[in-house]
Amino acid sequence: METVAGYFTHTEMACLGVRLNVDNLHKAAKEAWSDMRLGRAHGLKSVLSFSEADLWKQPEFQPYRDELKGERLGWKLSALSSVGGRYAAVKVVGANAINRRFGRPRSASTIILLDSFTLRPLCVMDGTEISAARTATYASVALERFFSKENDLSVFLFGAGPIAEEIVKALGYFGKDIISTIYVRSRSEASAQRLVEKHGPTAGVPLEAASDNRKLRDCRFVITASNASAPVFAAPDIFANAVLLHLGGDETPVDHIQTVLRSGLAVCDDVSMVSRRNSQSLALYFSRMGATLEQLGPFLGITGFKDVADVEEVPDGPILITCVGLPMLDLYVAAHVYETWLRPGAGAAPSSGRPVRG
């Protein structure tokens, strides 16, 4: 009888010893970027977004409407498909900021890992923690790419949610000899302080909660990982030649984007995906003018991250890196988890069915 791919819950994965070590995550991400450059890994992302008005019509959600002012609802259903040399994957993500009001994560992910040749499912796993951890690899890869020879580097991090926590872990590990301080700012001073108190003792670098943007001018590495519905800083606030890693929505002001396009370097993890998603500041800059990033970006020198990853000379000017979240990163991290802990013979026992033998 043909076996059925089983589902591994987050709890089951933890019991099996699954640990998302930042060093292994970084290695998986670098392998993914290498295979993307070589044409061995490909992916697509599709998103269904819903009207907020439909949510607020429901009586049980109406009391929370005012609480979400200044925050993107981000109510969407996403499917991220990818294929590499050995495996393929589909990640399904359901997200809505209202979930936090009920004590649940804003988004929940499920990853189906498949054999890349037969496309038969090997296992299904909870991908929520994997998704946040793989997003943090953008920070570790950018740190390695742009600041490996630096010291006394100050970092400003907007956001205090799960992705921000993973970023702190990654930067603390890879930046212990580079970073002097990570400043954390969130919409709520309390949430930024909680992150600092939770991870400060083990971060590897000093953490400090920021109540405003005064320290932003001193930081050469800036990361936006919030769920803000509007820019989180003004152009004069930021260091002139900062590397800005944009992981959120509409968080970067128009005049800073214009400065980057005139005198710096604008990069996307994938120009086409960022353009078609059209939810982040760089893509919105073009769509609000009646054009698209995909149409005009190449003429303005906007390129993909994989195309600048090996360039030796870092441009002397501001750098904006916009990341929509590549399916290939999910694939390579999920493959690492599968090979290390979940494949047949590793001692795993999923909650339903048995994994297909690869």
Protein backbone atom coordinates (compact mmCIF):
# COMPACT_ATOMS: atom_id res chain seq x y z
CA MET A 1 0.00 0.00 0.00
CA GLU A 2 1.28 3.47 -0.86
CA THR A 3 2.22 5.49 2.20
CA VAL A 4 0.86 8.97 2.86
CA ALA A 5 2.96 11.99 3.72
CA GLY A 6 2.36 12.87 7.36
CA TYR A 7 1.95 16.27 9.00
CA PHE A 8 4.43 17.42 11.64
CA THR A 9 3.08 19.99 14.09
CA HIS A 10 5.33 22.59 15.69
CA THR A 11 5.13 20.69 18.98
CA GLU A 12 6.05 17.38 17.34
CA MET A 13 8.97 19.00 15.55
CA ALA A 14 10.23 20.44 18.83
CA CYS A 15 9.97 17.03 20.49
CA LEU A 16 12.03 15.55 17.66
CA GLY A 17 14.77 18.05 18.39
CA VAL A 18 14.20 20.42 15.46
CA ARG A 19 16.28 23.54 16.12
CA LEU A 20 16.55 26.42 13.68
CA ASN A 21 20.18 27.20 14.38
CA VAL A 22 21.12 30.55 12.82
CA ASP A 23 24.39 29.19 11.39
CA ASN A 24 22.59 26.35 9.59
CA LEU A 25 19.87 28.72 8.40
CA HIS A 26 22.51 31.05 6.97
CA LYS A 27 24.19 28.16 5.17
CA ALA A 28 20.85 26.99 3.72
CA ALA A 29 20.08 30.52 2.53
CA LYS A 30 23.50 30.91 0.90
CA GLU A 31 23.03 27.57 -0.87
CA ALA A 32 19.66 28.82 -2.12
CA TRP A 33 21.15 32.09 -3.41
CA SER A 34 23.97 30.18 -5.11
CA ASP A 35 21.52 27.85 -6.85
CA MET A 36 19.37 30.80 -7.91
CA ARG A 37 22.41 32.44 -9.52
CA LEU A 38 23.21 29.18 -11.30
CA GLY A 39 19.62 28.73 -12.49
CA ARG A 40 19.07 25.61 -10.36
CA ALA A 41 16.34 27.04 -8.13
CA HIS A 42 13.17 28.82 -9.22
CA GLY A 43 9.95 29.94 -7.62
CA LEU A 44 6.65 31.77 -7.88
CA LYS A 45 4.51 33.64 -5.37
CA SER A 46 0.79 34.27 -5.66
CA VAL A 47 -1.32 36.29 -3.23
CA LEU A 48 -5.04 36.73 -2.74
CA SER A 49 -5.85 39.88 -0.77
CA PHE A 50 -9.24 40.61 0.74
CA SER A 51 -11.25 43.76 1.41
CA GLU A 52 -10.97 45.08 4.97
CA ALA A 53 -14.56 46.27 4.73
CA ASP A 54 -15.73 42.65 4.69
CA LEU A 55 -13.95 41.98 7.97
CA TRP A 56 -15.36 45.03 9.74
CA LYS A 57 -18.89 44.01 8.78
CA GLN A 58 -18.54 41.04 11.13
CA PRO A 59 -19.78 41.96 14.64
CA GLU A 60 -17.08 39.97 16.43
CA PHE A 61 -14.30 42.00 14.78
CA GLN A 62 -15.75 45.52 14.92
CA PRO A 63 -14.50 46.33 18.45
CA TYR A 64 -10.90 45.91 17.29
CA ARG A 65 -11.02 48.32 14.37
CA ASP A 66 -9.61 51.34 16.22
CA GLU A 67 -6.86 49.25 17.80
CA LEU A 68 -5.42 48.46 14.35
CA LYS A 69 -4.96 52.08 13.25
CA GLY A 70 -1.44 52.58 11.95
CA GLU A 71 -1.03 48.86 11.30
CA ARG A 72 -1.59 46.98 8.07
CA LEU A 73 -4.31 44.39 8.36
CA GLY A 74 -2.42 42.28 5.80
CA TRP A 75 -5.42 39.97 5.29
CA LYS A 76 -4.20 37.64 2.57
CA LEU A 77 -3.80 34.05 1.44
CA SER A 78 -0.44 33.32 -0.19
CA ALA A 79 1.00 30.32 -2.02
CA LEU A 80 4.75 30.14 -2.57
CA SER A 81 5.95 27.43 -4.96
CA SER A 82 9.58 26.56 -5.60
CA VAL A 83 11.84 23.85 -6.97
CA GLY A 84 15.54 23.15 -6.49
CA GLY A 85 17.90 20.34 -7.35
CA ARG A 86 16.53 17.68 -4.97
CA TYR A 87 13.27 19.01 -3.61
CA ALA A 88 10.27 21.15 -4.43
CA ALA A 89 7.96 22.89 -1.98
CA VAL A 90 4.70 24.73 -1.66
CA LYS A 91 4.16 27.03 1.31
CA VAL A 92 0.64 28.17 2.11
CA VAL A 93 0.34 31.25 4.32
CA GLY A 94 -2.79 32.69 5.90
CA ALA A 95 -2.30 36.12 7.48
CA ASN A 96 -4.40 38.70 9.26
CA ALA A 97 -3.23 41.18 11.91
CA ILE A 98 -6.54 40.69 13.73
CA ASN A 99 -5.25 37.28 14.84
CA ARG A 100 -3.00 38.94 17.41
CA ARG A 101 -6.06 40.29 19.21
CA PHE A 102 -7.04 36.68 19.89
CA GLY A 103 -3.61 35.59 21.15
CA ARG A 104 -2.58 33.95 17.87
CA PRO A 105 0.30 34.68 15.47
CA ARG A 106 -0.46 37.20 12.73
CA SER A 107 0.29 34.54 10.11
CA ALA A 108 0.42 30.76 9.97
CA SER A 109 2.37 28.77 7.39
CA THR A 110 2.20 25.18 6.19
CA ILE A 111 4.96 23.72 4.01
CA ILE A 112 4.55 20.71 1.72
CA LEU A 113 7.94 19.28 0.75
CA LEU A 114 8.06 17.18 -2.42
CA ASP A 115 10.55 15.18 -4.44
CA SER A 116 11.62 17.50 -7.27
CA PHE A 117 11.43 14.82 -9.99
CA THR A 118 8.26 12.86 -9.18
CA LEU A 119 6.66 15.79 -7.31
CA ARG A 120 5.29 13.33 -4.78
CA PRO A 121 4.90 14.78 -1.27
CA LEU A 122 7.51 13.68 1.25
CA CYS A 123 6.12 15.41 4.30
CA VAL A 124 4.00 18.32 5.47
CA MET A 125 5.26 20.54 8.27
CA ASP A 126 4.25 23.57 10.28
CA GLY A 127 6.19 26.35 8.58
CA THR A 128 5.35 29.35 10.78
CA GLU A 129 8.65 29.42 12.66
CA ILE A 130 10.55 28.40 9.53
CA SER A 131 9.03 31.34 7.66
CA ALA A 132 10.16 33.89 10.26
CA ALA A 133 13.62 32.33 10.52
CA ARG A 134 14.21 32.26 6.78
CA THR A 135 13.24 35.94 6.56
CA ALA A 136 15.93 36.72 9.13
CA THR A 137 18.54 35.26 6.78
CA TYR A 138 18.13 38.39 4.65
CA ALA A 139 19.70 40.28 7.56
CA SER A 140 22.59 37.85 8.05
CA VAL A 141 23.32 37.67 4.32
CA ALA A 142 23.18 41.48 3.98
CA LEU A 143 25.45 41.87 7.02
CA GLU A 144 27.98 39.49 5.48
CA ARG A 145 27.70 41.12 2.06
CA PHE A 146 27.97 44.79 3.03
CA PHE A 147 29.60 44.91 6.47
CA SER A 148 31.95 41.92 6.82
CA LYS A 149 34.99 44.21 7.12
CA GLU A 150 33.33 46.74 9.39
CA ASN A 151 33.41 47.26 13.13
CA ASP A 152 31.51 49.41 15.60
CA LEU A 153 28.39 49.10 13.42
CA SER A 154 25.12 50.42 14.83
CA VAL A 155 21.88 48.81 13.60
CA PHE A 156 18.36 50.24 13.80
CA LEU A 157 15.56 47.67 13.70
CA PHE A 158 11.92 48.70 13.22
CA GLY A 159 9.63 45.98 14.57
CA ALA A 160 9.41 43.72 17.60
CA GLY A 161 7.44 40.72 16.30
CA PRO A 162 8.57 37.16 15.47
CA ILE A 163 10.65 38.22 12.45
CA ALA A 164 12.39 40.94 14.46
CA GLU A 165 13.21 38.39 17.16
CA GLU A 166 14.80 36.07 14.59
CA ILE A 167 16.75 39.00 13.13
CA VAL A 168 18.15 39.83 16.56
CA LYS A 169 19.29 36.20 16.95
CA ALA A 170 20.93 36.20 13.50
CA LEU A 171 22.69 39.55 13.92
CA GLY A 172 23.77 38.69 17.44
CA TYR A 173 25.45 35.54 16.17
CA PHE A 174 27.06 36.87 12.99
CA GLY A 175 27.64 40.42 14.20
CA LYS A 176 29.20 39.82 17.62
CA ASP A 177 32.54 41.22 16.37
CA ILE A 178 30.96 43.84 14.10
CA ILE A 179 27.89 45.33 15.77
CA SER A 180 28.16 47.76 18.68
CA THR A 181 24.41 48.19 19.34
CA ILE A 182 21.06 47.14 17.89
CA TYR A 183 18.35 49.74 18.54
CA VAL A 184 14.82 48.32 18.47
CA ARG A 185 11.79 50.49 17.85
CA SER A 186 8.16 49.40 17.61
CA ARG A 187 4.76 51.11 17.55
CA SER A 188 4.58 50.16 21.19
CA GLU A 189 7.51 51.05 23.42
CA ALA A 190 6.45 48.17 25.65
CA SER A 191 6.85 45.57 22.87
CA ALA A 192 10.32 46.87 21.98
CA GLN A 193 11.31 46.71 25.64
CA ARG A 194 9.96 43.16 25.92
CA LEU A 195 12.10 42.06 22.99
CA VAL A 196 15.18 43.65 24.55
CA GLU A 197 14.50 42.04 27.93
CA LYS A 198 13.81 38.64 26.36
CA HIS A 199 16.84 38.46 24.08
CA GLY A 200 19.26 40.93 25.64
CA PRO A 201 20.98 38.40 27.91
CA THR A 202 21.67 35.97 25.05
CA ALA A 203 21.80 38.24 21.97
CA GLY A 204 25.59 38.43 21.75
CA VAL A 205 25.43 42.19 21.08
CA PRO A 206 23.95 45.06 23.13
CA LEU A 207 20.24 45.71 22.54
CA GLU A 208 18.51 48.98 23.33
CA ALA A 209 14.82 49.92 23.02
CA ALA A 210 14.33 53.21 21.16
CA SER A 211 11.31 55.44 21.73
CA ASP A 212 12.05 57.67 18.72
CA ASN A 213 14.30 57.92 15.65
CA ARG A 214 17.09 60.03 17.15
CA LYS A 215 19.61 57.16 16.97
CA LEU A 216 18.64 56.32 13.39
CA ARG A 217 21.03 58.92 11.99
CA ASP A 218 23.95 57.07 13.58
CA CYS A 219 23.07 53.67 12.09
CA ARG A 220 24.58 52.48 8.82
CA PHE A 221 22.40 49.34 8.76
CA VAL A 222 18.63 49.86 9.03
CA ILE A 223 16.02 47.10 8.90
CA THR A 224 12.25 47.56 8.63
CA ALA A 225 10.38 44.49 9.84
CA SER A 226 7.22 46.07 11.15
CA ASN A 227 3.62 45.86 10.04
CA ALA A 228 3.25 49.65 9.74
CA SER A 229 0.81 51.08 7.22
CA ALA A 230 2.90 54.22 6.56
CA PRO A 231 6.61 55.19 6.50
CA VAL A 232 8.33 54.69 9.83
CA PHE A 233 10.92 57.43 9.34
CA ALA A 234 11.42 60.70 7.46
CA ALA A 235 14.19 61.00 4.89
CA PRO A 236 16.28 63.45 6.98
CA ASP A 237 16.23 60.95 9.88
CA ILE A 238 18.35 58.30 8.20
CA PHE A 239 22.13 58.09 7.76
CA ALA A 240 23.02 59.40 4.29
CA ASN A 241 24.64 56.20 2.99
CA ALA A 242 22.71 53.67 5.05
CA VAL A 243 21.98 50.15 3.84
CA LEU A 244 18.22 49.85 4.30
CA LEU A 245 16.85 46.31 4.33
CA HIS A 246 13.11 46.64 3.70
CA LEU A 247 11.18 43.55 4.85
CA GLY A 248 7.77 45.06 5.56
CA GLY A 249 5.11 46.98 3.67
CA ASP A 250 4.91 50.71 2.94
CA GLU A 251 7.60 51.73 5.46
CA THR A 252 10.05 53.79 3.38
CA PRO A 253 9.26 57.44 2.48
CA VAL A 254 9.08 58.55 -1.14
CA ASP A 255 11.85 61.14 -0.86
CA HIS A 256 14.31 58.53 0.41
CA ILE A 257 13.40 56.24 -2.49
CA GLN A 258 14.05 59.12 -4.89
CA THR A 259 17.45 59.76 -3.29
CA VAL A 260 18.38 56.10 -3.70
CA LEU A 261 17.30 56.08 -7.36
CA ARG A 262 19.31 59.24 -8.05
CA SER A 263 22.53 58.49 -6.21
CA GLY A 264 22.49 55.00 -4.75
CA LEU A 265 21.57 51.41 -5.45
CA ALA A 266 18.09 49.87 -5.36
CA VAL A 267 17.95 46.08 -5.13
CA CYS A 268 15.11 43.55 -4.84
CA ASP A 269 15.28 39.93 -3.84
CA ASP A 270 13.25 39.44 -7.03
CA VAL A 271 12.21 42.47 -9.10
CA SER A 272 9.28 40.71 -10.72
CA MET A 273 7.85 39.33 -7.46
CA VAL A 274 8.22 42.65 -5.64
CA SER A 275 6.55 44.46 -8.54
CA ARG A 276 3.63 42.08 -8.87
CA ARG A 277 3.01 41.92 -5.13
CA ASN A 278 2.86 45.76 -5.15
CA SER A 279 2.57 46.08 -1.37
CA GLN A 280 5.98 47.56 -0.51
CA SER A 281 7.23 51.12 -0.77
CA LEU A 282 9.43 50.67 -3.84
CA ALA A 283 6.74 48.95 -5.92
CA LEU A 284 4.09 51.37 -4.68
CA TYR A 285 6.29 54.31 -5.71
CA PHE A 286 5.94 53.24 -9.35
CA SER A 287 2.34 52.02 -9.27
CA ARG A 288 1.16 55.32 -7.77
CA MET A 289 2.57 56.99 -10.88
CA GLY A 290 0.67 54.61 -13.16
CA ALA A 291 3.70 52.47 -14.00
CA THR A 292 5.27 49.33 -12.54
CA LEU A 293 8.61 48.52 -10.95
CA GLU A 294 9.01 45.67 -13.43
CA GLN A 295 8.61 48.05 -16.38
CA LEU A 296 10.82 50.92 -15.27
CA GLY A 297 13.18 49.30 -12.78
CA PRO A 298 15.75 47.98 -15.27
CA PHE A 299 16.09 51.43 -16.88
CA LEU A 300 16.84 52.92 -13.45
CA GLY A 301 19.41 50.33 -12.53
CA ILE A 302 17.21 48.38 -10.12
CA THR A 303 18.46 44.82 -10.03
CA GLY A 304 18.09 41.50 -8.23
CA PHE A 305 20.09 40.70 -5.11
CA LYS A 306 21.61 37.59 -6.66
CA ASP A 307 23.15 39.82 -9.33
CA VAL A 308 25.03 42.02 -6.84
CA ALA A 309 25.86 39.41 -4.21
CA ASP A 310 29.38 38.81 -5.55
CA VAL A 311 30.27 42.38 -6.57
CA GLU A 312 33.42 43.33 -4.67
CA GLU A 313 33.01 47.09 -4.53
CA VAL A 314 30.09 48.38 -2.45
CA PRO A 315 28.61 51.52 -4.07
CA ASP A 316 29.29 54.79 -2.26
CA GLY A 317 25.73 55.89 -1.65
CA PRO A 318 22.47 54.80 -0.05
CA ILE A 319 21.36 51.23 -0.67
CA LEU A 320 17.74 50.03 -0.52
CA ILE A 321 17.13 46.28 -0.52
CA THR A 322 13.43 45.38 -0.85
CA CYS A 323 12.53 41.78 -0.05
CA VAL A 324 9.15 40.20 -0.65
CA GLY A 325 10.19 36.78 0.69
CA LEU A 326 11.42 34.23 -1.83
CA PRO A 327 9.88 30.74 -1.94
CA MET A 328 13.33 29.27 -2.61
CA LEU A 329 14.51 30.27 0.86
CA ASP A 330 11.57 28.42 2.42
CA LEU A 331 12.41 25.40 0.29
CA TYR A 332 16.05 25.19 1.31
CA VAL A 333 15.37 25.72 5.01
CA ALA A 334 12.52 23.16 4.93
CA ALA A 335 14.82 20.71 3.13
CA HIS A 336 17.42 21.16 5.87
CA VAL A 337 14.78 20.42 8.53
CA TYR A 338 13.55 17.36 6.61
CA GLU A 339 16.97 15.89 5.99
CA THR A 340 18.17 16.46 9.54
CA TRP A 341 15.12 15.40 11.54
CA LEU A 342 12.01 14.37 9.60
CA ARG A 343 12.94 12.00 6.80
CA PRO A 344 12.40 8.25 7.24
CA GLY A 345 15.10 6.78 9.40
CA ALA A 346 15.56 9.96 11.43
CA GLY A 347 13.22 8.64 14.14
CA ALA A 348 10.31 10.93 13.33
CA ALA A 349 6.68 9.92 13.74
CA PRO A 350 4.22 12.40 12.23
CA SER A 351 0.75 12.93 13.65
CA SER A 352 -1.06 11.31 10.73
CA GLY A 353 0.08 8.83 8.11
CA ARG A 354 3.70 7.98 7.40
CA PRO A 355 6.19 9.88 5.26
CA VAL A 356 6.63 8.70 1.70
CA ARG A 357 10.05 7.15 1.26
CA GLY A 358 12.18 9.35 -0.96
